[in-house]
Every structure is written in C-alpha cells, then in structure tokens.
C-alpha cells in the first residue's frame, strides 16, 4: 500500500510528529511505501535544522531527515505556513523542501491512503 502522511503539529509541543514517524517506520517495515510526508500549519517546524534539543532527547527533525534519506521519502513543507513561521530554504534540514498545497492534493490522489496526524 502507498501512504501519504500529513503532519499538522510541531515536533515538541504535540505528539503528532512522533506518531507519524513511528507510523512511517512501521509501514516501511511491513513493506509499504510512503509516497510523501507533507508538513502543514505548525508541522512546518519539523523541518527547521536550527532546532537543537537536549542531548538526552530525540531530534525529530534529524529522524525525519534520516528516514527520508534511507527510503527516498519526499518531505514537503507548505510554503505559506513556513513563511508565516519564518522558515525559508536556508534553514531547512536535509531532505526537506518547500512547495505549495498542490503537493498535498497530489499526495491525496497518488497515495492509496492519506493519514493525518494532528488537528
């Protein structure tokens, strides 16, 4: 099955990103494909490479970057939501890219299921 994932919440104030990451890992382990992960609303904060959590805490941004590199997952950040939060290309973590809502629409069309994490 081909999944699309939509994340609407930031990495440290809500569990949405952690849950989405664990879902993606489990789906890949079962042989499914992740077509794209789209970060929207506060979810765009997952793409900020300037995030520096304490050493004993997980680095959600780095986890997404590594998963995308290992499995060729397209990580797309909504341009409008990103710009509202001061996120530009210069501060994107590796493997993240900025694009428009058309990418979310395409994800819904191309994927068998679109799974939403966060409000």
N, C-alpha and C. Protein backbone atom coordinates (compact mmCIF):
# COMPACT_ATOMS: atom_id res chain seq x y z
N UNK A 1 0.84 -1.17 0.00
CA UNK A 1 0.00 0.00 0.00
C UNK A 1 0.89 1.24 0.00
N UNK A 2 0.44 2.26 -0.66
CA UNK A 2 1.17 3.52 -0.74
C UNK A 2 0.48 4.55 0.15
N UNK A 3 1.23 5.06 1.16
CA UNK A 3 0.67 6.02 2.10
C UNK A 3 1.18 7.43 1.85
N UNK A 4 0.32 8.39 2.05
CA UNK A 4 0.69 9.78 2.17
C UNK A 4 0.46 10.18 3.61
N UNK A 5 1.32 11.04 4.14
CA UNK A 5 1.21 11.45 5.54
C UNK A 5 1.14 12.96 5.59
N UNK A 6 0.19 13.48 6.39
CA UNK A 6 0.05 14.91 6.63
C UNK A 6 0.29 15.16 8.11
N UNK A 7 1.23 16.06 8.41
CA UNK A 7 1.56 16.40 9.80
C UNK A 7 1.23 17.86 10.03
N UNK A 8 0.34 18.14 10.98
CA UNK A 8 -0.14 19.49 11.25
C UNK A 8 0.41 20.12 12.52
N UNK A 9 1.23 19.41 13.26
CA UNK A 9 1.72 19.91 14.55
C UNK A 9 3.24 19.89 14.61
N UNK A 10 3.79 20.77 15.43
CA UNK A 10 5.24 20.86 15.60
C UNK A 10 5.82 19.67 16.34
N UNK A 11 7.14 19.58 16.37
CA UNK A 11 7.79 18.37 16.89
C UNK A 11 7.82 18.23 18.41
N UNK A 12 7.67 19.30 19.16
CA UNK A 12 7.88 19.17 20.60
C UNK A 12 6.69 19.60 21.46
N UNK A 13 5.66 20.18 20.87
CA UNK A 13 4.51 20.59 21.66
C UNK A 13 3.31 19.64 21.50
N UNK A 14 3.48 18.64 20.65
CA UNK A 14 2.37 17.73 20.34
C UNK A 14 2.97 16.40 19.91
N UNK A 15 2.25 15.33 20.08
CA UNK A 15 2.77 14.01 19.73
C UNK A 15 2.59 13.65 18.26
N UNK A 16 1.96 14.50 17.48
CA UNK A 16 1.63 14.17 16.09
C UNK A 16 2.85 13.74 15.27
N UNK A 17 3.93 14.48 15.36
CA UNK A 17 5.10 14.16 14.56
C UNK A 17 5.73 12.84 14.98
N UNK A 18 5.84 12.62 16.28
CA UNK A 18 6.37 11.34 16.78
C UNK A 18 5.51 10.18 16.31
N UNK A 19 4.19 10.33 16.42
CA UNK A 19 3.28 9.26 16.00
C UNK A 19 3.40 9.01 14.50
N UNK A 20 3.50 10.08 13.71
CA UNK A 20 3.64 9.94 12.26
C UNK A 20 4.94 9.24 11.91
N UNK A 21 6.01 9.60 12.60
CA UNK A 21 7.31 8.98 12.36
C UNK A 21 7.26 7.48 12.67
N UNK A 22 6.68 7.14 13.81
CA UNK A 22 6.58 5.72 14.18
C UNK A 22 5.68 4.96 13.21
N UNK A 23 4.61 5.61 12.76
CA UNK A 23 3.73 5.00 11.76
C UNK A 23 4.49 4.73 10.46
N UNK A 24 5.24 5.73 10.02
CA UNK A 24 6.01 5.59 8.77
C UNK A 24 7.02 4.45 8.88
N UNK A 25 7.75 4.39 10.00
CA UNK A 25 8.72 3.31 10.20
C UNK A 25 8.04 1.95 10.18
N UNK A 26 6.91 1.83 10.86
CA UNK A 26 6.20 0.55 10.92
C UNK A 26 5.67 0.16 9.54
N UNK A 27 5.13 1.13 8.81
CA UNK A 27 4.61 0.85 7.47
C UNK A 27 5.73 0.38 6.54
N UNK A 28 6.87 1.06 6.59
CA UNK A 28 8.01 0.66 5.76
C UNK A 28 8.50 -0.73 6.13
N UNK A 29 8.53 -1.03 7.42
CA UNK A 29 8.99 -2.34 7.88
C UNK A 29 8.07 -3.46 7.39
N UNK A 30 6.80 -3.13 7.16
CA UNK A 30 5.83 -4.12 6.66
C UNK A 30 5.80 -4.16 5.13
N UNK A 31 6.69 -3.40 4.48
CA UNK A 31 6.78 -3.45 3.03
C UNK A 31 5.92 -2.43 2.29
N UNK A 32 5.30 -1.52 3.02
CA UNK A 32 4.50 -0.48 2.38
C UNK A 32 5.40 0.66 1.92
N UNK A 33 4.85 1.55 1.12
CA UNK A 33 5.59 2.70 0.61
C UNK A 33 5.04 3.99 1.21
N UNK A 34 5.92 4.93 1.50
CA UNK A 34 5.50 6.27 1.91
C UNK A 34 5.71 7.17 0.70
N UNK A 35 4.63 7.61 0.10
CA UNK A 35 4.71 8.42 -1.11
C UNK A 35 5.27 9.81 -0.80
N UNK A 36 4.75 10.42 0.24
CA UNK A 36 5.19 11.77 0.61
C UNK A 36 4.73 12.07 2.03
N UNK A 37 5.52 12.89 2.72
CA UNK A 37 5.11 13.44 4.01
C UNK A 37 4.98 14.95 3.80
N UNK A 38 3.80 15.48 4.08
CA UNK A 38 3.53 16.90 3.89
C UNK A 38 3.38 17.55 5.26
N UNK A 39 4.14 18.60 5.49
CA UNK A 39 4.13 19.32 6.77
C UNK A 39 3.36 20.62 6.58
N UNK A 40 2.33 20.80 7.39
CA UNK A 40 1.40 21.93 7.23
C UNK A 40 1.16 22.57 8.60
N UNK A 41 0.64 23.77 8.63
CA UNK A 41 0.40 24.52 9.86
C UNK A 41 1.69 24.52 10.70
N UNK A 42 1.58 24.26 12.02
CA UNK A 42 2.78 24.23 12.86
C UNK A 42 3.68 23.04 12.55
N UNK A 43 3.20 22.10 11.78
CA UNK A 43 4.01 20.96 11.37
C UNK A 43 5.25 21.35 10.60
N UNK A 44 5.25 22.55 10.00
CA UNK A 44 6.42 23.00 9.25
C UNK A 44 7.63 23.15 10.16
N UNK A 45 7.41 23.30 11.46
CA UNK A 45 8.53 23.43 12.39
C UNK A 45 9.37 22.16 12.49
N UNK A 46 8.86 21.06 12.00
CA UNK A 46 9.63 19.82 11.95
C UNK A 46 10.82 19.92 11.01
N UNK A 47 10.78 20.86 10.08
CA UNK A 47 11.81 20.98 9.05
C UNK A 47 12.94 21.92 9.42
N UNK A 48 12.88 22.55 10.56
CA UNK A 48 13.84 23.57 10.95
C UNK A 48 15.15 22.93 11.43
N UNK A 49 16.21 23.07 10.64
CA UNK A 49 17.51 22.47 11.00
C UNK A 49 18.18 23.18 12.17
N UNK A 50 17.66 24.34 12.58
CA UNK A 50 18.24 25.07 13.70
C UNK A 50 17.77 24.55 15.06
N UNK A 51 16.84 23.61 15.03
CA UNK A 51 16.35 23.00 16.26
C UNK A 51 17.48 22.22 16.94
N UNK A 52 17.69 22.47 18.23
CA UNK A 52 18.72 21.76 18.98
C UNK A 52 18.16 21.24 20.30
N UNK A 53 17.53 20.07 20.27
CA UNK A 53 17.02 19.51 21.52
C UNK A 53 18.17 19.07 22.42
N UNK A 54 17.91 18.91 23.72
CA UNK A 54 18.95 18.43 24.63
C UNK A 54 19.49 17.07 24.16
N UNK A 55 20.71 16.76 24.54
CA UNK A 55 21.35 15.52 24.08
C UNK A 55 20.58 14.26 24.48
N UNK A 56 19.86 14.31 25.59
CA UNK A 56 19.13 13.13 26.04
C UNK A 56 17.71 13.07 25.47
N UNK A 57 17.38 13.96 24.55
CA UNK A 57 16.06 13.99 23.94
C UNK A 57 16.18 13.60 22.46
N UNK A 58 15.10 13.18 21.88
CA UNK A 58 15.12 12.81 20.47
C UNK A 58 15.18 14.06 19.60
N UNK A 59 15.79 13.93 18.44
CA UNK A 59 15.86 15.02 17.48
C UNK A 59 14.92 14.65 16.33
N UNK A 60 13.69 15.12 16.42
CA UNK A 60 12.65 14.73 15.48
C UNK A 60 13.01 15.14 14.06
N UNK A 61 13.56 16.31 13.90
CA UNK A 61 13.94 16.79 12.57
C UNK A 61 14.97 15.86 11.95
N UNK A 62 15.96 15.50 12.72
CA UNK A 62 17.01 14.59 12.24
C UNK A 62 16.43 13.20 11.93
N UNK A 63 15.50 12.75 12.74
CA UNK A 63 14.87 11.45 12.49
C UNK A 63 14.17 11.43 11.13
N UNK A 64 13.42 12.50 10.83
CA UNK A 64 12.74 12.58 9.54
C UNK A 64 13.75 12.62 8.40
N UNK A 65 14.80 13.41 8.56
CA UNK A 65 15.82 13.51 7.50
C UNK A 65 16.45 12.15 7.22
N UNK A 66 16.79 11.43 8.28
CA UNK A 66 17.42 10.11 8.11
C UNK A 66 16.47 9.11 7.46
N UNK A 67 15.22 9.11 7.90
CA UNK A 67 14.24 8.18 7.33
C UNK A 67 14.04 8.47 5.84
N UNK A 68 13.97 9.75 5.49
CA UNK A 68 13.80 10.14 4.10
C UNK A 68 15.01 9.72 3.26
N UNK A 69 16.20 9.88 3.81
CA UNK A 69 17.41 9.51 3.08
C UNK A 69 17.48 7.99 2.87
N UNK A 70 17.09 7.24 3.87
CA UNK A 70 17.16 5.78 3.78
C UNK A 70 16.13 5.19 2.83
N UNK A 71 14.96 5.85 2.72
CA UNK A 71 13.86 5.25 1.96
C UNK A 71 13.39 6.11 0.79
N UNK A 72 14.08 7.20 0.51
CA UNK A 72 13.71 8.05 -0.62
C UNK A 72 12.35 8.72 -0.46
N UNK A 73 12.03 9.11 0.75
CA UNK A 73 10.73 9.73 1.04
C UNK A 73 10.80 11.22 0.72
N UNK A 74 9.77 11.72 0.08
CA UNK A 74 9.65 13.13 -0.26
C UNK A 74 9.07 13.87 0.95
N UNK A 75 9.85 14.78 1.55
CA UNK A 75 9.41 15.58 2.69
C UNK A 75 9.10 16.99 2.19
N UNK A 76 7.83 17.37 2.18
CA UNK A 76 7.41 18.64 1.62
C UNK A 76 6.84 19.54 2.72
N UNK A 77 7.30 20.78 2.72
CA UNK A 77 6.89 21.78 3.70
C UNK A 77 6.02 22.81 2.98
N UNK A 78 4.85 23.11 3.51
CA UNK A 78 3.95 24.08 2.90
C UNK A 78 4.60 25.46 2.91
N UNK A 79 4.69 26.08 1.75
CA UNK A 79 5.37 27.37 1.62
C UNK A 79 4.69 28.46 2.44
N UNK A 80 3.37 28.57 2.37
CA UNK A 80 2.66 29.63 3.08
C UNK A 80 2.81 29.48 4.60
N UNK A 81 2.62 28.26 5.09
CA UNK A 81 2.75 28.01 6.53
C UNK A 81 4.19 28.23 6.99
N UNK A 82 5.15 27.85 6.15
CA UNK A 82 6.56 28.02 6.51
C UNK A 82 6.92 29.51 6.60
N UNK A 83 6.54 30.27 5.61
CA UNK A 83 6.89 31.69 5.60
C UNK A 83 6.24 32.43 6.78
N UNK A 84 5.03 32.05 7.15
CA UNK A 84 4.38 32.66 8.33
C UNK A 84 5.19 32.42 9.60
N UNK A 85 5.95 31.35 9.61
CA UNK A 85 6.72 30.98 10.81
C UNK A 85 8.21 31.25 10.64
N UNK A 86 8.57 31.98 9.61
CA UNK A 86 9.97 32.37 9.41
C UNK A 86 10.86 31.27 8.89
N UNK A 87 10.28 30.23 8.31
CA UNK A 87 11.07 29.12 7.80
C UNK A 87 11.26 29.30 6.30
N UNK A 88 12.52 29.40 5.90
CA UNK A 88 12.88 29.56 4.50
C UNK A 88 13.85 28.45 4.11
N UNK A 89 14.16 28.37 2.83
CA UNK A 89 15.05 27.32 2.33
C UNK A 89 16.36 27.24 3.11
N UNK A 90 16.89 28.39 3.53
CA UNK A 90 18.20 28.43 4.19
C UNK A 90 18.23 27.65 5.51
N UNK A 91 17.08 27.49 6.16
CA UNK A 91 17.10 26.80 7.45
C UNK A 91 16.43 25.43 7.40
N UNK A 92 16.14 24.94 6.21
CA UNK A 92 15.55 23.61 6.10
C UNK A 92 16.60 22.53 6.39
N UNK A 93 16.17 21.53 7.10
CA UNK A 93 17.03 20.36 7.36
C UNK A 93 17.20 19.58 6.05
N UNK A 94 18.21 18.73 5.99
CA UNK A 94 18.41 17.91 4.78
C UNK A 94 17.17 17.09 4.45
N UNK A 95 16.92 16.96 3.16
CA UNK A 95 15.83 16.16 2.58
C UNK A 95 14.46 16.84 2.61
N UNK A 96 14.33 17.98 3.29
CA UNK A 96 13.08 18.73 3.28
C UNK A 96 13.10 19.71 2.12
N UNK A 97 11.93 19.98 1.56
CA UNK A 97 11.83 21.00 0.52
C UNK A 97 10.53 21.77 0.69
N UNK A 98 10.52 23.01 0.24
CA UNK A 98 9.34 23.85 0.33
C UNK A 98 8.57 23.79 -0.98
N UNK A 99 7.25 23.67 -0.87
CA UNK A 99 6.39 23.67 -2.05
C UNK A 99 4.99 24.09 -1.63
N UNK A 100 4.06 24.07 -2.56
CA UNK A 100 2.70 24.53 -2.29
C UNK A 100 1.73 23.42 -1.97
N UNK A 101 0.49 23.84 -1.74
CA UNK A 101 -0.57 22.90 -1.39
C UNK A 101 -0.90 21.92 -2.52
N UNK A 102 -0.50 22.25 -3.72
CA UNK A 102 -0.70 21.31 -4.83
C UNK A 102 -0.04 19.97 -4.56
N UNK A 103 1.07 20.00 -3.83
CA UNK A 103 1.76 18.76 -3.47
C UNK A 103 0.92 17.91 -2.52
N UNK A 104 0.15 18.57 -1.65
CA UNK A 104 -0.74 17.84 -0.75
C UNK A 104 -1.89 17.22 -1.55
N UNK A 105 -2.45 17.98 -2.46
CA UNK A 105 -3.52 17.46 -3.32
C UNK A 105 -3.02 16.26 -4.12
N UNK A 106 -1.82 16.40 -4.70
CA UNK A 106 -1.25 15.30 -5.47
C UNK A 106 -1.04 14.06 -4.60
N UNK A 107 -0.62 14.29 -3.36
CA UNK A 107 -0.43 13.17 -2.43
C UNK A 107 -1.73 12.42 -2.23
N UNK A 108 -2.82 13.16 -2.03
CA UNK A 108 -4.12 12.53 -1.86
C UNK A 108 -4.56 11.74 -3.07
N UNK A 109 -4.15 12.18 -4.25
CA UNK A 109 -4.50 11.49 -5.49
C UNK A 109 -3.63 10.25 -5.70
N UNK A 110 -2.33 10.38 -5.48
CA UNK A 110 -1.38 9.31 -5.78
C UNK A 110 -1.33 8.21 -4.72
N UNK A 111 -1.55 8.57 -3.48
CA UNK A 111 -1.46 7.57 -2.39
C UNK A 111 -2.78 6.79 -2.28
N UNK A 112 -2.66 5.57 -1.78
CA UNK A 112 -3.85 4.77 -1.51
C UNK A 112 -4.59 5.30 -0.29
N UNK A 113 -3.84 5.82 0.67
CA UNK A 113 -4.40 6.38 1.89
C UNK A 113 -3.61 7.63 2.29
N UNK A 114 -4.32 8.65 2.75
CA UNK A 114 -3.69 9.83 3.32
C UNK A 114 -3.98 9.82 4.81
N UNK A 115 -2.95 9.70 5.62
CA UNK A 115 -3.10 9.60 7.06
C UNK A 115 -2.70 10.94 7.67
N UNK A 116 -3.59 11.50 8.49
CA UNK A 116 -3.41 12.83 9.06
C UNK A 116 -3.04 12.72 10.54
N UNK A 117 -2.00 13.46 10.94
CA UNK A 117 -1.56 13.49 12.33
C UNK A 117 -1.64 14.93 12.82
N UNK A 118 -2.39 15.16 13.88
CA UNK A 118 -2.59 16.49 14.45
C UNK A 118 -3.85 17.14 13.91
N UNK A 119 -4.28 18.17 14.61
CA UNK A 119 -5.52 18.87 14.24
C UNK A 119 -5.39 19.69 12.99
